[in-house]
Amino acid sequence: MVAWARKQGLRRILVALLGTAVVQASAGTASPSAADVQKIATEAYIYAYPMVLMEVTRRVSTNVDASDPKGGIRAPINQFTHVAEFPEEKFDTVVRPNADTLYSALWFDVTREPLIITVPDSGGRYYLLLVLDMWTDVFTSPGTRTTGNGPQQIAIVGPRWHGKLPASVTS
């Protein structure tokens, strides 16, 4: 998977970022030094690598017709999959999953409209819904510690969406 990312996505992203940086660096100034080019390439790699790896993982995880918890936490876009067993030692869809955690997964696309997730009462059990961006940064974390154990509806809204959510929904 990493080799594919290096060949396909990362090379294109690095070339685009490096080319943009070189053009910006050389606009009205001398050409960048070899050390500057090396630094720009290193920073571009560090910046882009998580996105490339997440995109490869997304493609592997969503390239199915229906939820497939036996096949390694796979489901189509905007559809949850729930795994009822702990990950086996051979599990490799996600790097180093917890060996004692039951997972649910959802790859979401909110380009056109919000996604509303209904969370039932957890009955006092601890739960956590980590929501990550493509850099793997957690940007919200509904769950026992942050929003409580009661039933709730949570909306994930895209940056360009302008509409009204139902009163019962938290965004």
N, C-alpha and C. Protein backbone atom coordinates (compact mmCIF):
# COMPACT_ATOMS: atom_id res chain seq x y z
N MET A 1 0.83 -1.18 0.00
CA MET A 1 0.00 0.00 0.00
C MET A 1 0.87 1.25 0.00
N VAL A 2 1.88 1.29 0.84
CA VAL A 2 2.76 2.45 0.91
C VAL A 2 3.51 2.64 -0.40
N ALA A 3 3.95 1.53 -1.01
CA ALA A 3 4.66 1.63 -2.28
C ALA A 3 3.76 2.22 -3.35
N TRP A 4 2.51 1.80 -3.38
CA TRP A 4 1.56 2.35 -4.34
C TRP A 4 1.38 3.85 -4.11
N ALA A 5 1.22 4.24 -2.84
CA ALA A 5 1.05 5.67 -2.52
C ALA A 5 2.26 6.46 -2.98
N ARG A 6 3.42 5.92 -2.75
CA ARG A 6 4.64 6.62 -3.17
C ARG A 6 4.66 6.81 -4.68
N LYS A 7 4.29 5.75 -5.41
CA LYS A 7 4.34 5.83 -6.87
C LYS A 7 3.25 6.73 -7.43
N GLN A 8 2.03 6.59 -6.92
CA GLN A 8 0.89 7.26 -7.52
C GLN A 8 0.64 8.66 -6.98
N GLY A 9 0.20 8.73 -5.75
CA GLY A 9 -0.26 10.00 -5.22
C GLY A 9 0.83 10.90 -4.71
N LEU A 10 1.74 10.38 -3.95
CA LEU A 10 2.73 11.21 -3.30
C LEU A 10 3.63 11.92 -4.32
N ARG A 11 4.02 11.21 -5.36
CA ARG A 11 4.87 11.82 -6.38
C ARG A 11 4.18 13.03 -7.00
N ARG A 12 2.91 12.89 -7.36
CA ARG A 12 2.18 14.01 -7.97
C ARG A 12 2.04 15.18 -7.01
N ILE A 13 1.71 14.87 -5.77
CA ILE A 13 1.54 15.93 -4.78
C ILE A 13 2.86 16.64 -4.53
N LEU A 14 3.92 15.88 -4.38
CA LEU A 14 5.23 16.48 -4.14
C LEU A 14 5.67 17.35 -5.31
N VAL A 15 5.47 16.87 -6.52
CA VAL A 15 5.86 17.65 -7.69
C VAL A 15 5.06 18.94 -7.74
N ALA A 16 3.75 18.85 -7.47
CA ALA A 16 2.92 20.07 -7.49
C ALA A 16 3.34 21.04 -6.39
N LEU A 17 3.54 20.54 -5.18
CA LEU A 17 3.94 21.42 -4.09
C LEU A 17 5.33 21.98 -4.30
N LEU A 18 6.24 21.14 -4.73
CA LEU A 18 7.62 21.59 -4.95
C LEU A 18 7.66 22.61 -6.09
N GLY A 19 6.94 22.32 -7.16
CA GLY A 19 6.90 23.27 -8.27
C GLY A 19 6.33 24.61 -7.85
N THR A 20 5.25 24.61 -7.08
CA THR A 20 4.64 25.85 -6.59
C THR A 20 5.62 26.60 -5.69
N ALA A 21 6.27 25.86 -4.80
CA ALA A 21 7.21 26.50 -3.88
C ALA A 21 8.40 27.08 -4.61
N VAL A 22 8.91 26.38 -5.61
CA VAL A 22 10.06 26.87 -6.37
C VAL A 22 9.67 28.13 -7.14
N VAL A 23 8.49 28.11 -7.77
CA VAL A 23 8.03 29.30 -8.49
C VAL A 23 7.88 30.47 -7.54
N GLN A 24 7.27 30.23 -6.36
CA GLN A 24 7.11 31.31 -5.40
C GLN A 24 8.47 31.79 -4.89
N ALA A 25 9.38 30.85 -4.63
CA ALA A 25 10.69 31.22 -4.10
C ALA A 25 11.51 31.98 -5.12
N SER A 26 11.32 31.67 -6.42
CA SER A 26 12.17 32.29 -7.42
C SER A 26 11.54 33.51 -8.08
N ALA A 27 10.33 33.86 -7.73
CA ALA A 27 9.68 35.03 -8.32
C ALA A 27 10.42 36.29 -7.88
N GLY A 28 11.16 36.85 -8.81
CA GLY A 28 11.88 38.08 -8.52
C GLY A 28 13.17 37.88 -7.75
N THR A 29 13.58 36.64 -7.52
CA THR A 29 14.82 36.36 -6.78
C THR A 29 15.62 35.32 -7.55
N ALA A 30 16.78 35.02 -7.04
CA ALA A 30 17.62 33.98 -7.65
C ALA A 30 16.98 32.61 -7.44
N SER A 31 17.40 31.65 -8.25
CA SER A 31 16.90 30.27 -8.11
C SER A 31 17.23 29.75 -6.71
N PRO A 32 16.35 28.90 -6.17
CA PRO A 32 16.63 28.35 -4.83
C PRO A 32 17.86 27.45 -4.86
N SER A 33 18.55 27.41 -3.75
CA SER A 33 19.73 26.55 -3.63
C SER A 33 19.30 25.09 -3.51
N ALA A 34 20.25 24.20 -3.66
CA ALA A 34 19.97 22.77 -3.49
C ALA A 34 19.46 22.49 -2.08
N ALA A 35 20.00 23.18 -1.10
CA ALA A 35 19.55 23.00 0.29
C ALA A 35 18.10 23.46 0.45
N ASP A 36 17.74 24.58 -0.22
CA ASP A 36 16.35 25.06 -0.16
C ASP A 36 15.40 24.07 -0.81
N VAL A 37 15.80 23.55 -1.96
CA VAL A 37 14.97 22.56 -2.66
C VAL A 37 14.80 21.32 -1.79
N GLN A 38 15.87 20.86 -1.15
CA GLN A 38 15.80 19.70 -0.25
C GLN A 38 14.84 19.97 0.90
N LYS A 39 14.93 21.16 1.49
CA LYS A 39 14.05 21.51 2.61
C LYS A 39 12.59 21.57 2.16
N ILE A 40 12.34 22.18 1.00
CA ILE A 40 10.97 22.27 0.47
C ILE A 40 10.42 20.88 0.20
N ALA A 41 11.24 20.01 -0.40
CA ALA A 41 10.79 18.65 -0.70
C ALA A 41 10.48 17.88 0.58
N THR A 42 11.31 18.04 1.58
CA THR A 42 11.08 17.35 2.86
C THR A 42 9.79 17.84 3.50
N GLU A 43 9.58 19.15 3.53
CA GLU A 43 8.35 19.70 4.11
C GLU A 43 7.12 19.27 3.33
N ALA A 44 7.23 19.24 2.00
CA ALA A 44 6.10 18.80 1.17
C ALA A 44 5.77 17.33 1.46
N TYR A 45 6.78 16.51 1.60
CA TYR A 45 6.57 15.09 1.90
C TYR A 45 5.87 14.93 3.24
N ILE A 46 6.38 15.63 4.26
CA ILE A 46 5.78 15.54 5.60
C ILE A 46 4.34 16.04 5.57
N TYR A 47 4.08 17.10 4.85
CA TYR A 47 2.74 17.67 4.75
C TYR A 47 1.77 16.73 4.02
N ALA A 48 2.21 16.15 2.91
CA ALA A 48 1.32 15.40 2.04
C ALA A 48 1.17 13.93 2.40
N TYR A 49 2.15 13.34 3.03
CA TYR A 49 2.13 11.90 3.26
C TYR A 49 0.88 11.40 3.99
N PRO A 50 0.44 12.04 5.08
CA PRO A 50 -0.78 11.54 5.74
C PRO A 50 -2.00 11.53 4.83
N MET A 51 -2.11 12.55 3.97
CA MET A 51 -3.26 12.60 3.06
C MET A 51 -3.22 11.47 2.05
N VAL A 52 -2.05 11.17 1.54
CA VAL A 52 -1.91 10.10 0.56
C VAL A 52 -2.26 8.76 1.22
N LEU A 53 -1.73 8.53 2.40
CA LEU A 53 -2.00 7.28 3.11
C LEU A 53 -3.49 7.16 3.46
N MET A 54 -4.11 8.26 3.89
CA MET A 54 -5.55 8.23 4.18
C MET A 54 -6.37 7.97 2.91
N GLU A 55 -5.96 8.55 1.80
CA GLU A 55 -6.69 8.32 0.55
C GLU A 55 -6.60 6.86 0.12
N VAL A 56 -5.43 6.26 0.25
CA VAL A 56 -5.28 4.84 -0.08
C VAL A 56 -6.16 4.01 0.86
N THR A 57 -6.14 4.32 2.14
CA THR A 57 -6.97 3.60 3.12
C THR A 57 -8.45 3.78 2.79
N ARG A 58 -8.86 5.00 2.43
CA ARG A 58 -10.27 5.25 2.08
C ARG A 58 -10.67 4.41 0.87
N ARG A 59 -9.83 4.38 -0.13
CA ARG A 59 -10.18 3.61 -1.33
C ARG A 59 -10.31 2.12 -1.02
N VAL A 60 -9.40 1.60 -0.22
CA VAL A 60 -9.47 0.18 0.16
C VAL A 60 -10.72 -0.07 1.00
N SER A 61 -11.02 0.84 1.92
CA SER A 61 -12.12 0.65 2.87
C SER A 61 -13.50 0.85 2.27
N THR A 62 -13.61 1.59 1.17
CA THR A 62 -14.93 1.90 0.62
C THR A 62 -15.20 1.22 -0.72
N ASN A 63 -14.29 0.41 -1.19
CA ASN A 63 -14.44 -0.25 -2.48
C ASN A 63 -15.24 -1.54 -2.34
N VAL A 64 -16.44 -1.41 -1.76
CA VAL A 64 -17.34 -2.55 -1.56
C VAL A 64 -18.77 -2.10 -1.85
N ASP A 65 -19.65 -3.07 -2.12
CA ASP A 65 -21.05 -2.76 -2.39
C ASP A 65 -21.87 -2.60 -1.12
N ALA A 66 -21.43 -3.24 -0.04
CA ALA A 66 -22.17 -3.20 1.22
C ALA A 66 -21.17 -3.34 2.37
N SER A 67 -21.64 -3.05 3.58
CA SER A 67 -20.81 -3.20 4.77
C SER A 67 -20.25 -4.61 4.84
N ASP A 68 -18.98 -4.71 5.17
CA ASP A 68 -18.31 -6.01 5.20
C ASP A 68 -17.41 -6.09 6.43
N PRO A 69 -18.00 -6.22 7.65
CA PRO A 69 -17.18 -6.25 8.86
C PRO A 69 -16.21 -7.43 8.92
N LYS A 70 -16.51 -8.52 8.26
CA LYS A 70 -15.60 -9.67 8.24
C LYS A 70 -14.41 -9.40 7.32
N GLY A 71 -14.58 -8.47 6.37
CA GLY A 71 -13.52 -8.18 5.41
C GLY A 71 -12.59 -7.07 5.85
N GLY A 72 -12.67 -6.61 7.09
CA GLY A 72 -11.72 -5.63 7.57
C GLY A 72 -12.24 -4.22 7.64
N ILE A 73 -13.38 -4.00 8.25
CA ILE A 73 -13.98 -2.68 8.44
C ILE A 73 -14.16 -1.96 7.10
N ARG A 74 -14.99 -2.52 6.25
CA ARG A 74 -15.23 -1.94 4.93
C ARG A 74 -16.72 -1.66 4.74
N ALA A 75 -17.00 -0.51 4.13
CA ALA A 75 -18.37 -0.13 3.79
C ALA A 75 -18.32 1.00 2.77
N PRO A 76 -19.39 1.17 1.99
CA PRO A 76 -19.43 2.29 1.05
C PRO A 76 -19.39 3.64 1.78
N ILE A 77 -19.11 4.69 1.05
CA ILE A 77 -19.08 6.05 1.61
C ILE A 77 -20.42 6.34 2.29
N ASN A 78 -20.38 7.03 3.42
CA ASN A 78 -21.54 7.46 4.21
C ASN A 78 -22.35 6.29 4.76
N GLN A 79 -21.73 5.15 4.94
CA GLN A 79 -22.40 4.00 5.54
C GLN A 79 -21.50 3.40 6.62
N PHE A 80 -22.03 3.25 7.83
CA PHE A 80 -21.26 2.66 8.91
C PHE A 80 -21.07 1.17 8.68
N THR A 81 -19.98 0.67 9.20
CA THR A 81 -19.77 -0.76 9.36
C THR A 81 -19.39 -0.98 10.82
N HIS A 82 -19.89 -2.03 11.40
CA HIS A 82 -19.64 -2.34 12.81
C HIS A 82 -19.01 -3.72 12.91
N VAL A 83 -17.91 -3.81 13.62
CA VAL A 83 -17.21 -5.08 13.77
C VAL A 83 -17.48 -5.61 15.17
N ALA A 84 -17.96 -6.85 15.25
CA ALA A 84 -18.36 -7.43 16.53
C ALA A 84 -17.25 -8.25 17.19
N GLU A 85 -16.08 -8.32 16.56
CA GLU A 85 -14.96 -9.09 17.12
C GLU A 85 -13.71 -8.21 17.15
N PHE A 86 -12.81 -8.52 18.07
CA PHE A 86 -11.55 -7.79 18.13
C PHE A 86 -10.73 -8.07 16.88
N PRO A 87 -9.90 -7.10 16.46
CA PRO A 87 -9.09 -7.32 15.26
C PRO A 87 -8.10 -8.46 15.44
N GLU A 88 -7.93 -9.25 14.38
CA GLU A 88 -6.94 -10.32 14.40
C GLU A 88 -5.55 -9.74 14.19
N GLU A 89 -4.54 -10.51 14.48
CA GLU A 89 -3.16 -10.02 14.32
C GLU A 89 -2.82 -9.72 12.87
N LYS A 90 -3.55 -10.31 11.92
CA LYS A 90 -3.29 -10.08 10.49
C LYS A 90 -4.00 -8.84 9.95
N PHE A 91 -4.83 -8.21 10.74
CA PHE A 91 -5.58 -7.04 10.30
C PHE A 91 -4.62 -5.92 9.89
N ASP A 92 -4.77 -5.41 8.65
CA ASP A 92 -3.84 -4.38 8.19
C ASP A 92 -4.49 -3.23 7.43
N THR A 93 -5.82 -3.13 7.49
CA THR A 93 -6.48 -2.00 6.83
C THR A 93 -6.08 -0.69 7.49
N VAL A 94 -6.00 -0.69 8.80
CA VAL A 94 -5.56 0.47 9.57
C VAL A 94 -4.31 0.06 10.33
N VAL A 95 -3.35 0.93 10.39
CA VAL A 95 -2.11 0.62 11.08
C VAL A 95 -2.34 0.53 12.57
N ARG A 96 -1.92 -0.55 13.18
CA ARG A 96 -1.93 -0.79 14.62
C ARG A 96 -3.26 -0.47 15.32
N PRO A 97 -4.33 -1.20 15.01
CA PRO A 97 -5.56 -0.99 15.78
C PRO A 97 -5.38 -1.54 17.20
N ASN A 98 -6.17 -1.03 18.13
CA ASN A 98 -6.13 -1.59 19.48
C ASN A 98 -6.62 -3.03 19.43
N ALA A 99 -5.97 -3.91 20.14
CA ALA A 99 -6.33 -5.33 20.13
C ALA A 99 -7.54 -5.61 21.01
N ASP A 100 -7.94 -4.65 21.86
CA ASP A 100 -9.05 -4.88 22.78
C ASP A 100 -10.20 -3.89 22.57
N THR A 101 -10.36 -3.40 21.34
CA THR A 101 -11.39 -2.41 21.04
C THR A 101 -12.26 -2.90 19.90
N LEU A 102 -13.58 -2.77 20.09
CA LEU A 102 -14.51 -3.07 19.00
C LEU A 102 -14.67 -1.79 18.19
N TYR A 103 -14.57 -1.90 16.88
CA TYR A 103 -14.58 -0.73 16.01
C TYR A 103 -15.84 -0.64 15.18
N SER A 104 -16.24 0.58 14.92
CA SER A 104 -17.18 0.92 13.87
C SER A 104 -16.45 1.95 13.02
N ALA A 105 -16.75 1.99 11.75
CA ALA A 105 -16.06 2.94 10.88
C ALA A 105 -17.03 3.54 9.88
N LEU A 106 -16.73 4.76 9.49
CA LEU A 106 -17.53 5.48 8.51
C LEU A 106 -16.61 6.44 7.78
N TRP A 107 -16.54 6.32 6.48
CA TRP A 107 -15.88 7.31 5.64
C TRP A 107 -16.99 8.19 5.11
N PHE A 108 -16.90 9.49 5.37
CA PHE A 108 -18.02 10.35 5.01
C PHE A 108 -17.65 11.36 3.94
N ASP A 109 -18.68 11.74 3.19
CA ASP A 109 -18.56 12.77 2.16
C ASP A 109 -19.70 13.75 2.39
N VAL A 110 -19.36 14.96 2.79
CA VAL A 110 -20.37 15.99 3.05
C VAL A 110 -20.25 17.13 2.04
N THR A 111 -19.84 16.78 0.84
CA THR A 111 -19.68 17.78 -0.21
C THR A 111 -21.01 18.44 -0.54
N ARG A 112 -22.06 17.68 -0.68
CA ARG A 112 -23.36 18.22 -1.09
C ARG A 112 -24.31 18.53 0.05
N GLU A 113 -24.25 17.72 1.11
CA GLU A 113 -25.19 17.91 2.21
C GLU A 113 -24.58 17.35 3.49
N PRO A 114 -25.12 17.80 4.63
CA PRO A 114 -24.61 17.29 5.91
C PRO A 114 -24.92 15.80 6.07
N LEU A 115 -24.17 15.19 6.94
CA LEU A 115 -24.42 13.81 7.33
C LEU A 115 -24.87 13.85 8.78
N ILE A 116 -26.03 13.30 9.07
CA ILE A 116 -26.55 13.29 10.43
C ILE A 116 -26.40 11.88 10.99
N ILE A 117 -25.71 11.80 12.11
CA ILE A 117 -25.45 10.52 12.79
C ILE A 117 -26.31 10.46 14.04
N THR A 118 -27.10 9.42 14.16
CA THR A 118 -27.93 9.21 15.35
C THR A 118 -27.20 8.25 16.28
N VAL A 119 -26.95 8.72 17.49
CA VAL A 119 -26.23 7.92 18.48
C VAL A 119 -27.24 7.50 19.55
N PRO A 120 -27.45 6.22 19.77
CA PRO A 120 -28.37 5.77 20.81
C PRO A 120 -27.77 5.96 22.20
N ASP A 121 -28.60 5.85 23.22
CA ASP A 121 -28.12 5.87 24.60
C ASP A 121 -27.15 4.71 24.77
N SER A 122 -25.98 4.97 25.33
CA SER A 122 -24.98 3.92 25.46
C SER A 122 -25.17 3.08 26.71
N GLY A 123 -26.19 3.38 27.50
CA GLY A 123 -26.44 2.60 28.71
C GLY A 123 -25.33 2.71 29.72
N GLY A 124 -24.63 3.84 29.71
CA GLY A 124 -23.55 4.04 30.65
C GLY A 124 -22.21 3.51 30.19
N ARG A 125 -22.16 2.84 29.06
CA ARG A 125 -20.88 2.32 28.55
C ARG A 125 -20.09 3.44 27.91
N TYR A 126 -18.79 3.39 28.08
CA TYR A 126 -17.91 4.39 27.49
C TYR A 126 -17.88 4.21 25.98
N TYR A 127 -17.99 5.30 25.24
CA TYR A 127 -17.82 5.25 23.79
C TYR A 127 -17.16 6.54 23.31
N LEU A 128 -16.68 6.48 22.11
CA LEU A 128 -15.94 7.59 21.53
C LEU A 128 -16.14 7.57 20.02
N LEU A 129 -16.49 8.70 19.44
CA LEU A 129 -16.63 8.82 17.98
C LEU A 129 -15.58 9.80 17.48
N LEU A 130 -14.39 9.33 17.23
CA LEU A 130 -13.35 10.20 16.71
C LEU A 130 -13.66 10.56 15.27
N VAL A 131 -13.60 11.84 14.94
CA VAL A 131 -13.81 12.30 13.57
C VAL A 131 -12.50 12.96 13.13
N LEU A 132 -11.89 12.39 12.10
CA LEU A 132 -10.58 12.83 11.64
C LEU A 132 -10.66 13.48 10.26
N ASP A 133 -9.74 14.40 10.00
CA ASP A 133 -9.60 14.92 8.66
C ASP A 133 -8.55 14.08 7.92
N MET A 134 -8.25 14.44 6.71
CA MET A 134 -7.32 13.64 5.91
C MET A 134 -5.87 13.75 6.38
N TRP A 135 -5.57 14.67 7.28
CA TRP A 135 -4.23 14.74 7.87
C TRP A 135 -4.18 13.89 9.14
N THR A 136 -5.26 13.21 9.45
CA THR A 136 -5.44 12.38 10.64
C THR A 136 -5.55 13.19 11.92
N ASP A 137 -5.88 14.48 11.80
CA ASP A 137 -6.14 15.31 12.98
C ASP A 137 -7.59 15.12 13.41
N VAL A 138 -7.81 14.90 14.70
CA VAL A 138 -9.16 14.76 15.24
C VAL A 138 -9.75 16.16 15.35
N PHE A 139 -10.89 16.40 14.67
CA PHE A 139 -11.48 17.74 14.76
C PHE A 139 -12.74 17.78 15.60
N THR A 140 -13.25 16.65 15.99
CA THR A 140 -14.31 16.58 17.00
C THR A 140 -14.32 15.16 17.55
N SER A 141 -14.85 15.03 18.76
CA SER A 141 -14.81 13.74 19.42
C SER A 141 -16.03 13.55 20.32
N PRO A 142 -17.23 13.43 19.72
CA PRO A 142 -18.40 13.16 20.55
C PRO A 142 -18.22 11.84 21.29
N GLY A 143 -18.74 11.78 22.50
CA GLY A 143 -18.63 10.54 23.27
C GLY A 143 -18.92 10.79 24.73
N THR A 144 -18.71 9.78 25.52
CA THR A 144 -19.00 9.83 26.95
C THR A 144 -18.39 11.05 27.62
N ARG A 145 -17.13 11.31 27.37
CA ARG A 145 -16.43 12.40 28.04
C ARG A 145 -16.88 13.78 27.57
N THR A 146 -17.22 13.94 26.30
CA THR A 146 -17.50 15.27 25.75
C THR A 146 -18.98 15.60 25.60
N THR A 147 -19.80 14.62 25.23
CA THR A 147 -21.22 14.92 24.99
C THR A 147 -22.17 14.05 25.82
N GLY A 148 -21.62 13.12 26.58
CA GLY A 148 -22.46 12.29 27.45
C GLY A 148 -22.88 10.99 26.81
N ASN A 149 -23.61 10.19 27.60
CA ASN A 149 -24.03 8.85 27.18
C ASN A 149 -25.44 8.78 26.64
N GLY A 150 -26.19 9.87 26.72
CA GLY A 150 -27.57 9.86 26.27
C GLY A 150 -27.69 9.86 24.76
N PRO A 151 -28.91 9.64 24.26
CA PRO A 151 -29.12 9.65 22.81
C PRO A 151 -28.89 11.06 22.25
N GLN A 152 -28.38 11.11 21.03
CA GLN A 152 -28.13 12.41 20.40
C GLN A 152 -28.02 12.27 18.90
N GLN A 153 -28.19 13.38 18.23
CA GLN A 153 -27.98 13.44 16.79
C GLN A 153 -26.88 14.46 16.53
N ILE A 154 -25.91 14.04 15.73
CA ILE A 154 -24.75 14.87 15.45
C ILE A 154 -24.67 15.08 13.94
N ALA A 155 -24.46 16.33 13.52
CA ALA A 155 -24.32 16.62 12.09
C ALA A 155 -22.86 16.92 11.77
N ILE A 156 -22.39 16.33 10.69
CA ILE A 156 -21.10 16.69 10.13
C ILE A 156 -21.42 17.51 8.89
N VAL A 157 -20.94 18.74 8.88
CA VAL A 157 -21.32 19.70 7.85
C VAL A 157 -20.08 20.13 7.07
N GLY A 158 -20.19 20.17 5.76
CA GLY A 158 -19.09 20.61 4.92
C GLY A 158 -18.88 22.11 5.04
N PRO A 159 -17.71 22.59 4.64
CA PRO A 159 -17.37 24.01 4.82
C PRO A 159 -18.20 24.96 3.96
N ARG A 160 -18.77 24.50 2.88
CA ARG A 160 -19.53 25.38 1.99
C ARG A 160 -21.04 25.24 2.13
N TRP A 161 -21.48 24.40 3.05
CA TRP A 161 -22.92 24.19 3.21
C TRP A 161 -23.52 25.31 4.04
N HIS A 162 -24.60 25.87 3.56
CA HIS A 162 -25.33 26.92 4.29
C HIS A 162 -26.79 26.53 4.29
N GLY A 163 -27.24 26.02 5.40
CA GLY A 163 -28.61 25.59 5.53
C GLY A 163 -29.00 25.56 6.97
N LYS A 164 -30.16 25.02 7.23
CA LYS A 164 -30.65 24.96 8.61
C LYS A 164 -30.78 23.50 9.00
N LEU A 165 -30.20 23.18 10.16
CA LEU A 165 -30.31 21.83 10.71
C LEU A 165 -31.50 21.75 11.63
N PRO A 166 -32.10 20.57 11.79
CA PRO A 166 -33.18 20.41 12.77
C PRO A 166 -32.70 20.80 14.17
N ALA A 167 -33.59 21.27 15.01
CA ALA A 167 -33.24 21.74 16.36
C ALA A 167 -32.61 20.63 17.20
N SER A 168 -32.95 19.38 16.93
CA SER A 168 -32.44 18.27 17.74
C SER A 168 -31.01 17.88 17.38
N VAL A 169 -30.43 18.50 16.37
CA VAL A 169 -29.12 18.11 15.87
C VAL A 169 -28.04 19.05 16.37
N THR A 170 -26.93 18.46 16.81
CA THR A 170 -25.75 19.22 17.21
C THR A 170 -24.76 19.18 16.05
N SER A 171 -24.16 20.31 15.73
CA SER A 171 -23.16 20.29 14.65
C SER A 171 -21.78 20.58 15.21
